Amino acid sequence: MKKLVVLVIAFVVGIAIAMPSTANAAELTTSVGVSLPYVEDVNEFGSGYVATVTCAGSSKAVLKVTQSGKRIKVRKHAPRVWTVKLKRAKTYKLSVKVKGGAWKSIAYRIY
């Protein structure tokens, strides 16, 4: 009988440790996140270049591209896929965000 009680207690403690708490479970399901943006492809276009920018995560991500504080036009093609026209020898800041999340940025330059 004692062995059975010990096994039942060990089983209950094991389940309690293995199951996440309700606060952790809520965090996992409502977590809004997106990866850093990354340039997947760059092609010549007229006197400049066109870069394809993607990120992983939420499909409602927004991309913002700036160069020396000036915002550059971005064209969205699909969830998490954008194109942007860039020029050589200029540094651009690529920032991505999901509503309720923080901006995640990288710098990009074509040499």
PDB file of N, CA and C in Angstrom:
ATOM      1  N   MET A   1       0.815  -1.190   0.000  1.00  0.00           N
ATOM      2  CA  MET A   1       0.000   0.000   0.000  1.00  0.00           C
ATOM      3  C   MET A   1       0.860   1.255   0.000  1.00  0.00           C
ATOM      4  N   LYS A   2       1.944   1.214   0.814  1.00  0.00           N
ATOM      5  CA  LYS A   2       2.819   2.377   0.879  1.00  0.00           C
ATOM      6  C   LYS A   2       3.462   2.662  -0.473  1.00  0.00           C
ATOM      7  N   LYS A   3       3.827   1.601  -1.189  1.00  0.00           N
ATOM      8  CA  LYS A   3       4.442   1.766  -2.504  1.00  0.00           C
ATOM      9  C   LYS A   3       3.462   2.432  -3.471  1.00  0.00           C
ATOM     10  N   LEU A   4       2.212   2.066  -3.406  1.00  0.00           N
ATOM     11  CA  LEU A   4       1.187   2.639  -4.269  1.00  0.00           C
ATOM     12  C   LEU A   4       0.996   4.128  -3.980  1.00  0.00           C
ATOM     13  N   VAL A   5       0.972   4.489  -2.704  1.00  0.00           N
ATOM     14  CA  VAL A   5       0.826   5.900  -2.305  1.00  0.00           C
ATOM     15  C   VAL A   5       2.033   6.709  -2.804  1.00  0.00           C
ATOM     16  N   VAL A   6       3.220   6.147  -2.633  1.00  0.00           N
ATOM     17  CA  VAL A   6       4.439   6.830  -3.082  1.00  0.00           C
ATOM     18  C   VAL A   6       4.414   7.010  -4.594  1.00  0.00           C
ATOM     19  N   LEU A   7       3.989   5.994  -5.335  1.00  0.00           N
ATOM     20  CA  LEU A   7       3.902   6.091  -6.796  1.00  0.00           C
ATOM     21  C   LEU A   7       2.886   7.136  -7.233  1.00  0.00           C
ATOM     22  N   VAL A   8       1.736   7.186  -6.564  1.00  0.00           N
ATOM     23  CA  VAL A   8       0.709   8.172  -6.905  1.00  0.00           C
ATOM     24  C   VAL A   8       1.216   9.581  -6.629  1.00  0.00           C
ATOM     25  N   ILE A   9       1.870   9.800  -5.517  1.00  0.00           N
ATOM     26  CA  ILE A   9       2.407  11.119  -5.183  1.00  0.00           C
ATOM     27  C   ILE A   9       3.487  11.520  -6.194  1.00  0.00           C
ATOM     28  N   ALA A  10       4.347  10.597  -6.550  1.00  0.00           N
ATOM     29  CA  ALA A  10       5.404  10.877  -7.539  1.00  0.00           C
ATOM     30  C   ALA A  10       4.785  11.214  -8.900  1.00  0.00           C
ATOM     31  N   PHE A  11       3.734  10.504  -9.252  1.00  0.00           N
ATOM     32  CA  PHE A  11       3.047  10.762 -10.513  1.00  0.00           C
ATOM     33  C   PHE A  11       2.425  12.157 -10.533  1.00  0.00           C
ATOM     34  N   VAL A  12       1.748  12.541  -9.462  1.00  0.00           N
ATOM     35  CA  VAL A  12       1.103  13.861  -9.370  1.00  0.00           C
ATOM     36  C   VAL A  12       2.141  14.974  -9.396  1.00  0.00           C
ATOM     37  N   VAL A  13       3.226  14.808  -8.663  1.00  0.00           N
ATOM     38  CA  VAL A  13       4.297  15.818  -8.659  1.00  0.00           C
ATOM     39  C   VAL A  13       4.931  15.919 -10.048  1.00  0.00           C
ATOM     40  N   GLY A  14       5.139  14.806 -10.696  1.00  0.00           N
ATOM     41  CA  GLY A  14       5.717  14.815 -12.046  1.00  0.00           C
ATOM     42  C   GLY A  14       4.830  15.546 -13.039  1.00  0.00           C
ATOM     43  N   ILE A  15       3.527  15.340 -12.964  1.00  0.00           N
ATOM     44  CA  ILE A  15       2.599  16.034 -13.854  1.00  0.00           C
ATOM     45  C   ILE A  15       2.576  17.527 -13.547  1.00  0.00           C
ATOM     46  N   ALA A  16       2.594  17.878 -12.274  1.00  0.00           N
ATOM     47  CA  ALA A  16       2.570  19.293 -11.885  1.00  0.00           C
ATOM     48  C   ALA A  16       3.806  20.021 -12.390  1.00  0.00           C
ATOM     49  N   ILE A  17       4.933  19.362 -12.376  1.00  0.00           N
ATOM     50  CA  ILE A  17       6.171  19.990 -12.875  1.00  0.00           C
ATOM     51  C   ILE A  17       6.151  20.086 -14.393  1.00  0.00           C
ATOM     52  N   ALA A  18       5.649  19.079 -15.059  1.00  0.00           N
ATOM     53  CA  ALA A  18       5.671  19.039 -16.517  1.00  0.00           C
ATOM     54  C   ALA A  18       4.683  20.008 -17.157  1.00  0.00           C
ATOM     55  N   MET A  19       3.562  20.275 -16.515  1.00  0.00           N
ATOM     56  CA  MET A  19       2.543  21.150 -17.102  1.00  0.00           C
ATOM     57  C   MET A  19       2.904  22.609 -16.851  1.00  0.00           C
ATOM     58  N   PRO A  20       2.802  23.473 -17.861  1.00  0.00           N
ATOM     59  CA  PRO A  20       3.078  24.884 -17.639  1.00  0.00           C
ATOM     60  C   PRO A  20       1.953  25.521 -16.836  1.00  0.00           C
ATOM     61  N   SER A  21       2.294  26.554 -16.123  1.00  0.00           N
ATOM     62  CA  SER A  21       1.262  27.261 -15.366  1.00  0.00           C
ATOM     63  C   SER A  21       0.354  28.003 -16.331  1.00  0.00           C
ATOM     64  N   THR A  22      -0.791  28.470 -15.865  1.00  0.00           N
ATOM     65  CA  THR A  22      -1.718  29.169 -16.752  1.00  0.00           C
ATOM     66  C   THR A  22      -1.132  30.477 -17.238  1.00  0.00           C
ATOM     67  N   ALA A  23      -0.316  31.141 -16.428  1.00  0.00           N
ATOM     68  CA  ALA A  23       0.307  32.397 -16.866  1.00  0.00           C
ATOM     69  C   ALA A  23       1.278  32.135 -18.001  1.00  0.00           C
ATOM     70  N   ASN A  24       2.082  31.095 -17.900  1.00  0.00           N
ATOM     71  CA  ASN A  24       3.021  30.765 -18.968  1.00  0.00           C
ATOM     72  C   ASN A  24       2.289  30.333 -20.229  1.00  0.00           C
ATOM     73  N   ALA A  25       1.223  29.574 -20.084  1.00  0.00           N
ATOM     74  CA  ALA A  25       0.460  29.135 -21.243  1.00  0.00           C
ATOM     75  C   ALA A  25      -0.167  30.332 -21.946  1.00  0.00           C
ATOM     76  N   ALA A  26      -0.669  31.313 -21.200  1.00  0.00           N
ATOM     77  CA  ALA A  26      -1.244  32.508 -21.808  1.00  0.00           C
ATOM     78  C   ALA A  26      -0.181  33.306 -22.535  1.00  0.00           C
ATOM     79  N   GLU A  27       1.014  33.384 -21.971  1.00  0.00           N
ATOM     80  CA  GLU A  27       2.106  34.088 -22.640  1.00  0.00           C
ATOM     81  C   GLU A  27       2.458  33.435 -23.960  1.00  0.00           C
ATOM     82  N   LEU A  28       2.476  32.114 -23.978  1.00  0.00           N
ATOM     83  CA  LEU A  28       2.832  31.406 -25.199  1.00  0.00           C
ATOM     84  C   LEU A  28       1.798  31.609 -26.294  1.00  0.00           C
ATOM     85  N   THR A  29       0.536  31.658 -25.966  1.00  0.00           N
ATOM     86  CA  THR A  29      -0.494  31.768 -26.986  1.00  0.00           C
ATOM     87  C   THR A  29      -0.701  33.202 -27.463  1.00  0.00           C
ATOM     88  N   THR A  30      -0.442  34.203 -26.612  1.00  0.00           N
ATOM     89  CA  THR A  30      -0.668  35.585 -27.023  1.00  0.00           C
ATOM     90  C   THR A  30       0.632  36.288 -27.398  1.00  0.00           C
ATOM     91  N   SER A  31       1.714  35.573 -27.446  1.00  0.00           N
ATOM     92  CA  SER A  31       3.007  36.179 -27.751  1.00  0.00           C
ATOM     93  C   SER A  31       3.017  36.700 -29.183  1.00  0.00           C
ATOM     94  N   VAL A  32       3.347  37.968 -29.326  1.00  0.00           N
ATOM     95  CA  VAL A  32       3.498  38.539 -30.660  1.00  0.00           C
ATOM     96  C   VAL A  32       4.980  38.713 -30.908  1.00  0.00           C
ATOM     97  N   GLY A  33       5.443  38.126 -31.948  1.00  0.00           N
ATOM     98  CA  GLY A  33       6.867  38.211 -32.211  1.00  0.00           C
ATOM     99  C   GLY A  33       7.173  38.127 -33.681  1.00  0.00           C
ATOM    100  N   VAL A  34       8.319  38.627 -33.997  1.00  0.00           N
ATOM    101  CA  VAL A  34       8.798  38.600 -35.367  1.00  0.00           C
ATOM    102  C   VAL A  34      10.318  38.588 -35.309  1.00  0.00           C
ATOM    103  N   SER A  35      10.945  37.969 -36.287  1.00  0.00           N
ATOM    104  CA  SER A  35      12.402  37.904 -36.312  1.00  0.00           C
ATOM    105  C   SER A  35      12.989  39.202 -36.860  1.00  0.00           C
ATOM    106  N   LEU A  36      14.292  39.291 -36.835  1.00  0.00           N
ATOM    107  CA  LEU A  36      14.954  40.404 -37.480  1.00  0.00           C
ATOM    108  C   LEU A  36      14.684  40.345 -38.982  1.00  0.00           C
ATOM    109  N   PRO A  37      14.548  41.485 -39.643  1.00  0.00           N
ATOM    110  CA  PRO A  37      14.387  41.451 -41.092  1.00  0.00           C
ATOM    111  C   PRO A  37      15.701  41.030 -41.749  1.00  0.00           C
ATOM    112  N   TYR A  38      15.609  40.339 -42.858  1.00  0.00           N
ATOM    113  CA  TYR A  38      16.828  39.992 -43.577  1.00  0.00           C
ATOM    114  C   TYR A  38      16.586  40.143 -45.071  1.00  0.00           C
ATOM    115  N   VAL A  39      17.640  40.521 -45.782  1.00  0.00           N
ATOM    116  CA  VAL A  39      17.570  40.738 -47.221  1.00  0.00           C
ATOM    117  C   VAL A  39      17.805  39.396 -47.889  1.00  0.00           C
ATOM    118  N   GLU A  40      16.794  38.945 -48.603  1.00  0.00           N
ATOM    119  CA  GLU A  40      16.852  37.629 -49.226  1.00  0.00           C
ATOM    120  C   GLU A  40      17.491  37.681 -50.608  1.00  0.00           C
ATOM    121  N   ASP A  41      17.243  38.772 -51.349  1.00  0.00           N
ATOM    122  CA  ASP A  41      17.720  38.856 -52.720  1.00  0.00           C
ATOM    123  C   ASP A  41      17.917  40.318 -53.098  1.00  0.00           C
ATOM    124  N   VAL A  42      18.926  40.607 -53.915  1.00  0.00           N
ATOM    125  CA  VAL A  42      19.169  41.963 -54.425  1.00  0.00           C
ATOM    126  C   VAL A  42      19.394  41.852 -55.925  1.00  0.00           C
ATOM    127  N   ASN A  43      18.655  42.665 -56.689  1.00  0.00           N
ATOM    128  CA  ASN A  43      18.782  42.673 -58.148  1.00  0.00           C
ATOM    129  C   ASN A  43      18.975  44.100 -58.639  1.00  0.00           C
ATOM    130  N   GLU A  44      19.698  44.252 -59.749  1.00  0.00           N
ATOM    131  CA  GLU A  44      19.867  45.574 -60.354  1.00  0.00           C
ATOM    132  C   GLU A  44      18.537  46.027 -60.933  1.00  0.00           C
ATOM    133  N   PHE A  45      18.263  47.327 -60.798  1.00  0.00           N
ATOM    134  CA  PHE A  45      17.029  47.893 -61.327  1.00  0.00           C
ATOM    135  C   PHE A  45      17.319  49.338 -61.720  1.00  0.00           C
ATOM    136  N   GLY A  46      17.426  49.602 -63.009  1.00  0.00           N
ATOM    137  CA  GLY A  46      17.742  50.947 -63.475  1.00  0.00           C
ATOM    138  C   GLY A  46      19.095  51.379 -62.949  1.00  0.00           C
ATOM    139  N   SER A  47      19.135  52.544 -62.292  1.00  0.00           N
ATOM    140  CA  SER A  47      20.394  53.045 -61.744  1.00  0.00           C
ATOM    141  C   SER A  47      20.636  52.572 -60.318  1.00  0.00           C
ATOM    142  N   GLY A  48      19.715  51.793 -59.755  1.00  0.00           N
ATOM    143  CA  GLY A  48      19.847  51.318 -58.375  1.00  0.00           C
ATOM    144  C   GLY A  48      19.650  49.827 -58.275  1.00  0.00           C
ATOM    145  N   TYR A  49      19.114  49.419 -57.136  1.00  0.00           N
ATOM    146  CA  TYR A  49      18.899  48.007 -56.851  1.00  0.00           C
ATOM    147  C   TYR A  49      17.534  47.817 -56.193  1.00  0.00           C
ATOM    148  N   VAL A  50      16.993  46.622 -56.329  1.00  0.00           N
ATOM    149  CA  VAL A  50      15.762  46.254 -55.632  1.00  0.00           C
ATOM    150  C   VAL A  50      16.100  45.099 -54.700  1.00  0.00           C
ATOM    151  N   ALA A  51      15.795  45.294 -53.429  1.00  0.00           N
ATOM    152  CA  ALA A  51      16.069  44.270 -52.427  1.00  0.00           C
ATOM    153  C   ALA A  51      14.762  43.640 -51.972  1.00  0.00           C
ATOM    154  N   THR A  52      14.746  42.325 -51.856  1.00  0.00           N
ATOM    155  CA  THR A  52      13.606  41.593 -51.307  1.00  0.00           C
ATOM    156  C   THR A  52      13.899  41.333 -49.835  1.00  0.00           C
ATOM    157  N   VAL A  53      13.035  41.844 -48.970  1.00  0.00           N
ATOM    158  CA  VAL A  53      13.222  41.744 -47.523  1.00  0.00           C
ATOM    159  C   VAL A  53      12.146  40.824 -46.957  1.00  0.00           C
ATOM    160  N   THR A  54      12.552  39.908 -46.083  1.00  0.00           N
ATOM    161  CA  THR A  54      11.606  39.005 -45.446  1.00  0.00           C
ATOM    162  C   THR A  54      11.899  38.931 -43.948  1.00  0.00           C
ATOM    163  N   CYS A  55      10.972  38.349 -43.221  1.00  0.00           N
ATOM    164  CA  CYS A  55      11.168  38.084 -41.791  1.00  0.00           C
ATOM    165  C   CYS A  55      10.306  36.880 -41.433  1.00  0.00           C
ATOM    166  N   ALA A  56      10.582  36.306 -40.305  1.00  0.00           N
ATOM    167  CA  ALA A  56       9.803  35.173 -39.824  1.00  0.00           C
ATOM    168  C   ALA A  56       8.951  35.628 -38.654  1.00  0.00           C
ATOM    169  N   GLY A  57       7.821  34.994 -38.480  1.00  0.00           N
ATOM    170  CA  GLY A  57       6.958  35.332 -37.359  1.00  0.00           C
ATOM    171  C   GLY A  57       5.555  35.660 -37.811  1.00  0.00           C
ATOM    172  N   SER A  58       4.963  36.640 -37.167  1.00  0.00           N
ATOM    173  CA  SER A  58       3.581  37.017 -37.423  1.00  0.00           C
ATOM    174  C   SER A  58       3.383  37.521 -38.844  1.00  0.00           C
ATOM    175  N   SER A  59       2.253  37.183 -39.442  1.00  0.00           N
ATOM    176  CA  SER A  59       1.965  37.628 -40.805  1.00  0.00           C
ATOM    177  C   SER A  59       1.515  39.084 -40.847  1.00  0.00           C
ATOM    178  N   LYS A  60       1.321  39.715 -39.697  1.00  0.00           N
ATOM    179  CA  LYS A  60       0.884  41.109 -39.649  1.00  0.00           C
ATOM    180  C   LYS A  60       2.053  42.056 -39.385  1.00  0.00           C
ATOM    181  N   ALA A  61       3.254  41.648 -39.727  1.00  0.00           N
ATOM    182  CA  ALA A  61       4.437  42.467 -39.512  1.00  0.00           C
ATOM    183  C   ALA A  61       4.443  43.656 -40.465  1.00  0.00           C
ATOM    184  N   VAL A  62       5.061  44.750 -40.020  1.00  0.00           N
ATOM    185  CA  VAL A  62       5.177  45.979 -40.795  1.00  0.00           C
ATOM    186  C   VAL A  62       6.660  46.297 -40.946  1.00  0.00           C
ATOM    187  N   LEU A  63       7.076  46.662 -42.177  1.00  0.00           N
ATOM    188  CA  LEU A  63       8.473  47.018 -42.436  1.00  0.00           C
ATOM    189  C   LEU A  63       8.581  48.516 -42.641  1.00  0.00           C
ATOM    190  N   LYS A  64       9.597  49.114 -42.026  1.00  0.00           N
ATOM    191  CA  LYS A  64       9.894  50.532 -42.209  1.00  0.00           C
ATOM    192  C   LYS A  64      11.362  50.633 -42.601  1.00  0.00           C
ATOM    193  N   VAL A  65      11.645  51.351 -43.698  1.00  0.00           N
ATOM    194  CA  VAL A  65      13.022  51.531 -44.159  1.00  0.00           C
ATOM    195  C   VAL A  65      13.335  53.022 -44.139  1.00  0.00           C
ATOM    196  N   THR A  66      14.463  53.379 -43.513  1.00  0.00           N
ATOM    197  CA  THR A  66      14.887  54.778 -43.475  1.00  0.00           C
ATOM    198  C   THR A  66      16.340  54.888 -43.919  1.00  0.00           C
ATOM    199  N   GLN A  67      16.659  56.068 -44.462  1.00  0.00           N
ATOM    200  CA  GLN A  67      18.032  56.372 -44.855  1.00  0.00           C
ATOM    201  C   GLN A  67      18.301  57.807 -44.427  1.00  0.00           C
ATOM    202  N   SER A  68      19.184  57.985 -43.457  1.00  0.00           N
ATOM    203  CA  SER A  68      19.495  59.298 -42.867  1.00  0.00           C
ATOM    204  C   SER A  68      18.235  59.982 -42.339  1.00  0.00           C
ATOM    205  N   GLY A  69      17.372  59.231 -41.703  1.00  0.00           N
ATOM    206  CA  GLY A  69      16.155  59.783 -41.112  1.00  0.00           C
ATOM    207  C   GLY A  69      15.002  59.953 -42.081  1.00  0.00           C
ATOM    208  N   LYS A  70      15.229  59.771 -43.367  1.00  0.00           N
ATOM    209  CA  LYS A  70      14.176  59.916 -44.371  1.00  0.00           C
ATOM    210  C   LYS A  70      13.573  58.543 -44.671  1.00  0.00           C
ATOM    211  N   ARG A  71      12.253  58.469 -44.664  1.00  0.00           N
ATOM    212  CA  ARG A  71      11.564  57.202 -44.898  1.00  0.00           C
ATOM    213  C   ARG A  71      11.570  56.845 -46.386  1.00  0.00           C
ATOM    214  N   ILE A  72      11.847  55.597 -46.691  1.00  0.00           N
ATOM    215  CA  ILE A  72      11.903  55.086 -48.057  1.00  0.00           C
ATOM    216  C   ILE A  72      10.644  54.266 -48.325  1.00  0.00           C
ATOM    217  N   LYS A  73      10.108  54.375 -49.542  1.00  0.00           N
ATOM    218  CA  LYS A  73       8.883  53.657 -49.908  1.00  0.00           C
ATOM    219  C   LYS A  73       9.129  52.151 -49.951  1.00  0.00           C
ATOM    220  N   VAL A  74       8.217  51.408 -49.335  1.00  0.00           N
ATOM    221  CA  VAL A  74       8.287  49.951 -49.259  1.00  0.00           C
ATOM    222  C   VAL A  74       7.041  49.382 -49.919  1.00  0.00           C
ATOM    223  N   ARG A  75       7.221  48.313 -50.673  1.00  0.00           N
ATOM    224  CA  ARG A  75       6.082  47.666 -51.334  1.00  0.00           C
ATOM    225  C   ARG A  75       5.916  46.256 -50.773  1.00  0.00           C
ATOM    226  N   LYS A  76       4.717  45.967 -50.263  1.00  0.00           N
ATOM    227  CA  LYS A  76       4.441  44.652 -49.680  1.00  0.00           C
ATOM    228  C   LYS A  76       3.876  43.731 -50.756  1.00  0.00           C
ATOM    229  N   HIS A  77       4.421  42.515 -50.835  1.00  0.00           N
ATOM    230  CA  HIS A  77       3.986  41.548 -51.841  1.00  0.00           C
ATOM    231  C   HIS A  77       3.209  40.383 -51.249  1.00  0.00           C
ATOM    232  N   ALA A  78       3.536  40.010 -50.047  1.00  0.00           N
ATOM    233  CA  ALA A  78       2.892  38.873 -49.371  1.00  0.00           C
ATOM    234  C   ALA A  78       3.126  39.057 -47.879  1.00  0.00           C
ATOM    235  N   PRO A  79       2.478  38.252 -47.051  1.00  0.00           N
ATOM    236  CA  PRO A  79       2.791  38.351 -45.620  1.00  0.00           C
ATOM    237  C   PRO A  79       4.287  38.118 -45.395  1.00  0.00           C
ATOM    238  N   ARG A  80       4.930  39.046 -44.735  1.00  0.00           N
ATOM    239  CA  ARG A  80       6.350  38.977 -44.399  1.00  0.00           C
ATOM    240  C   ARG A  80       7.290  39.076 -45.594  1.00  0.00           C
ATOM    241  N   VAL A  81       6.842  39.621 -46.730  1.00  0.00           N
ATOM    242  CA  VAL A  81       7.708  39.789 -47.907  1.00  0.00           C
ATOM    243  C   VAL A  81       7.488  41.182 -48.497  1.00  0.00           C
ATOM    244  N   TRP A  82       8.582  41.955 -48.603  1.00  0.00           N
ATOM    245  CA  TRP A  82       8.522  43.308 -49.148  1.00  0.00           C
ATOM    246  C   TRP A  82       9.664  43.505 -50.138  1.00  0.00           C
ATOM    247  N   THR A  83       9.510  44.522 -51.011  1.00  0.00           N
ATOM    248  CA  THR A  83      10.624  44.969 -51.838  1.00  0.00           C
ATOM    249  C   THR A  83      10.830  46.452 -51.596  1.00  0.00           C
ATOM    250  N   VAL A  84      12.078  46.867 -51.739  1.00  0.00           N
ATOM    251  CA  VAL A  84      12.431  48.266 -51.528  1.00  0.00           C
ATOM    252  C   VAL A  84      13.563  48.621 -52.498  1.00  0.00           C
ATOM    253  N   LYS A  85      13.503  49.846 -53.054  1.00  0.00           N
ATOM    254  CA  LYS A  85      14.538  50.310 -53.971  1.00  0.00           C
ATOM    255  C   LYS A  85      15.662  50.942 -53.153  1.00  0.00           C
ATOM    256  N   LEU A  86      16.886  50.497 -53.426  1.00  0.00           N
ATOM    257  CA  LEU A  86      18.053  50.988 -52.715  1.00  0.00           C
ATOM    258  C   LEU A  86      19.090  51.513 -53.696  1.00  0.00           C
ATOM    259  N   LYS A  87      19.972  52.385 -53.205  1.00  0.00           N
ATOM    260  CA  LYS A  87      21.068  52.901 -54.002  1.00  0.00           C
ATOM    261  C   LYS A  87      22.388  52.432 -53.412  1.00  0.00           C
ATOM    262  N   ARG A  88      23.402  52.414 -54.250  1.00  0.00           N
ATOM    263  CA  ARG A  88      24.724  51.980 -53.857  1.00  0.00           C
ATOM    264  C   ARG A  88      25.374  53.002 -52.914  1.00  0.00           C
ATOM    265  N   ALA A  89      26.193  52.513 -51.981  1.00  0.00           N
ATOM    266  CA  ALA A  89      27.003  53.321 -51.062  1.00  0.00           C
ATOM    267  C   ALA A  89      26.177  54.151 -50.083  1.00  0.00           C
ATOM    268  N   LYS A  90      24.978  53.733 -49.767  1.00  0.00           N
ATOM    269  CA  LYS A  90      24.160  54.396 -48.749  1.00  0.00           C
ATOM    270  C   LYS A  90      23.754  53.354 -47.722  1.00  0.00           C
ATOM    271  N   THR A  91      23.673  53.773 -46.475  1.00  0.00           N
ATOM    272  CA  THR A  91      23.292  52.867 -45.393  1.00  0.00           C
ATOM    273  C   THR A  91      21.810  53.043 -45.098  1.00  0.00           C
ATOM    274  N   TYR A  92      21.094  51.928 -45.055  1.00  0.00           N
ATOM    275  CA  TYR A  92      19.655  51.916 -44.797  1.00  0.00           C
ATOM    276  C   TYR A  92      19.376  51.188 -43.490  1.00  0.00           C
ATOM    277  N   LYS A  93      18.352  51.627 -42.790  1.00  0.00           N
ATOM    278  CA  LYS A  93      17.913  50.961 -41.568  1.00  0.00           C
ATOM    279  C   LYS A  93      16.611  50.234 -41.879  1.00  0.00           C
ATOM    280  N   LEU A  94      16.621  48.913 -41.757  1.00  0.00           N
ATOM    281  CA  LEU A  94      15.440  48.079 -41.990  1.00  0.00           C
ATOM    282  C   LEU A  94      14.860  47.711 -40.634  1.00  0.00           C
ATOM    283  N   SER A  95      13.626  48.120 -40.376  1.00  0.00           N
ATOM    284  CA  SER A  95      12.983  47.871 -39.087  1.00  0.00           C
ATOM    285  C   SER A  95      11.670  47.149 -39.308  1.00  0.00           C
ATOM    286  N   VAL A  96      11.399  46.159 -38.485  1.00  0.00           N
ATOM    287  CA  VAL A  96      10.159  45.395 -38.578  1.00  0.00           C
ATOM    288  C   VAL A  96       9.506  45.358 -37.194  1.00  0.00           C
ATOM    289  N   LYS A  97       8.164  45.363 -37.195  1.00  0.00           N
ATOM    290  CA  LYS A  97       7.418  45.392 -35.946  1.00  0.00           C
ATOM    291  C   LYS A  97       6.055  44.744 -36.145  1.00  0.00           C
ATOM    292  N   VAL A  98       5.555  44.164 -35.082  1.00  0.00           N
ATOM    293  CA  VAL A  98       4.194  43.659 -35.022  1.00  0.00           C
ATOM    294  C   VAL A  98       3.472  44.508 -33.983  1.00  0.00           C
ATOM    295  N   LYS A  99       2.200  44.774 -34.199  1.00  0.00           N
ATOM    296  CA  LYS A  99       1.436  45.572 -33.249  1.00  0.00           C
ATOM    297  C   LYS A  99       1.573  44.978 -31.851  1.00  0.00           C
ATOM    298  N   GLY A 100       1.947  45.814 -30.912  1.00  0.00           N
ATOM    299  CA  GLY A 100       2.143  45.367 -29.544  1.00  0.00           C
ATOM    300  C   GLY A 100       3.545  44.875 -29.264  1.00  0.00           C
ATOM    301  N   GLY A 101       4.387  44.786 -30.274  1.00  0.00           N
ATOM    302  CA  GLY A 101       5.756  44.324 -30.095  1.00  0.00           C
ATOM    303  C   GLY A 101       6.745  45.466 -30.215  1.00  0.00           C
ATOM    304  N   ALA A 102       7.997  45.144 -30.157  1.00  0.00           N
ATOM    305  CA  ALA A 102       9.051  46.150 -30.262  1.00  0.00           C
ATOM    306  C   ALA A 102       9.646  46.137 -31.668  1.00  0.00           C
ATOM    307  N   TRP A 103      10.204  47.282 -32.077  1.00  0.00           N
ATOM    308  CA  TRP A 103      10.886  47.374 -33.367  1.00  0.00           C
ATOM    309  C   TRP A 103      12.170  46.565 -33.296  1.00  0.00           C
ATOM    310  N   LYS A 104      12.442  45.827 -34.359  1.00  0.00           N
ATOM    311  CA  LYS A 104      13.692  45.083 -34.493  1.00  0.00           C
ATOM    312  C   LYS A 104      14.343  45.572 -35.772  1.00  0.00           C
ATOM    313  N   SER A 105      15.585  46.036 -35.667  1.00  0.00           N
ATOM    314  CA  SER A 105      16.224  46.715 -36.792  1.00  0.00           C
ATOM    315  C   SER A 105      17.590  46.134 -37.122  1.00  0.00           C
ATOM    316  N   ILE A 106      17.959  46.292 -38.397  1.00  0.00           N
ATOM    317  CA  ILE A 106      19.308  46.004 -38.869  1.00  0.00           C
ATOM    318  C   ILE A 106      19.707  47.123 -39.813  1.00  0.00           C
ATOM    319  N   ALA A 107      20.994  47.267 -40.023  1.00  0.00           N
ATOM    320  CA  ALA A 107      21.506  48.218 -41.011  1.00  0.00           C
ATOM    321  C   ALA A 107      21.904  47.432 -42.248  1.00  0.00           C
ATOM    322  N   TYR A 108      21.711  48.020 -43.429  1.00  0.00           N
ATOM    323  CA  TYR A 108      22.041  47.338 -44.675  1.00  0.00           C
ATOM    324  C   TYR A 108      22.678  48.338 -45.628  1.00  0.00           C
ATOM    325  N   ARG A 109      23.701  47.889 -46.336  1.00  0.00           N
ATOM    326  CA  ARG A 109      24.415  48.764 -47.271  1.00  0.00           C
ATOM    327  C   ARG A 109      24.851  47.936 -48.465  1.00  0.00           C
ATOM    328  N   ILE A 110      24.717  48.505 -49.666  1.00  0.00           N
ATOM    329  CA  ILE A 110      25.180  47.866 -50.898  1.00  0.00           C
ATOM    330  C   ILE A 110      26.502  48.526 -51.291  1.00  0.00           C
ATOM    331  N   TYR A 111      27.568  47.755 -51.372  1.00  0.00           N
ATOM    332  CA  TYR A 111      28.880  48.298 -51.712  1.00  0.00           C
ATOM    333  C   TYR A 111      29.126  48.261 -53.190  1.00  0.00           C
TER     334      TYR A 111
END
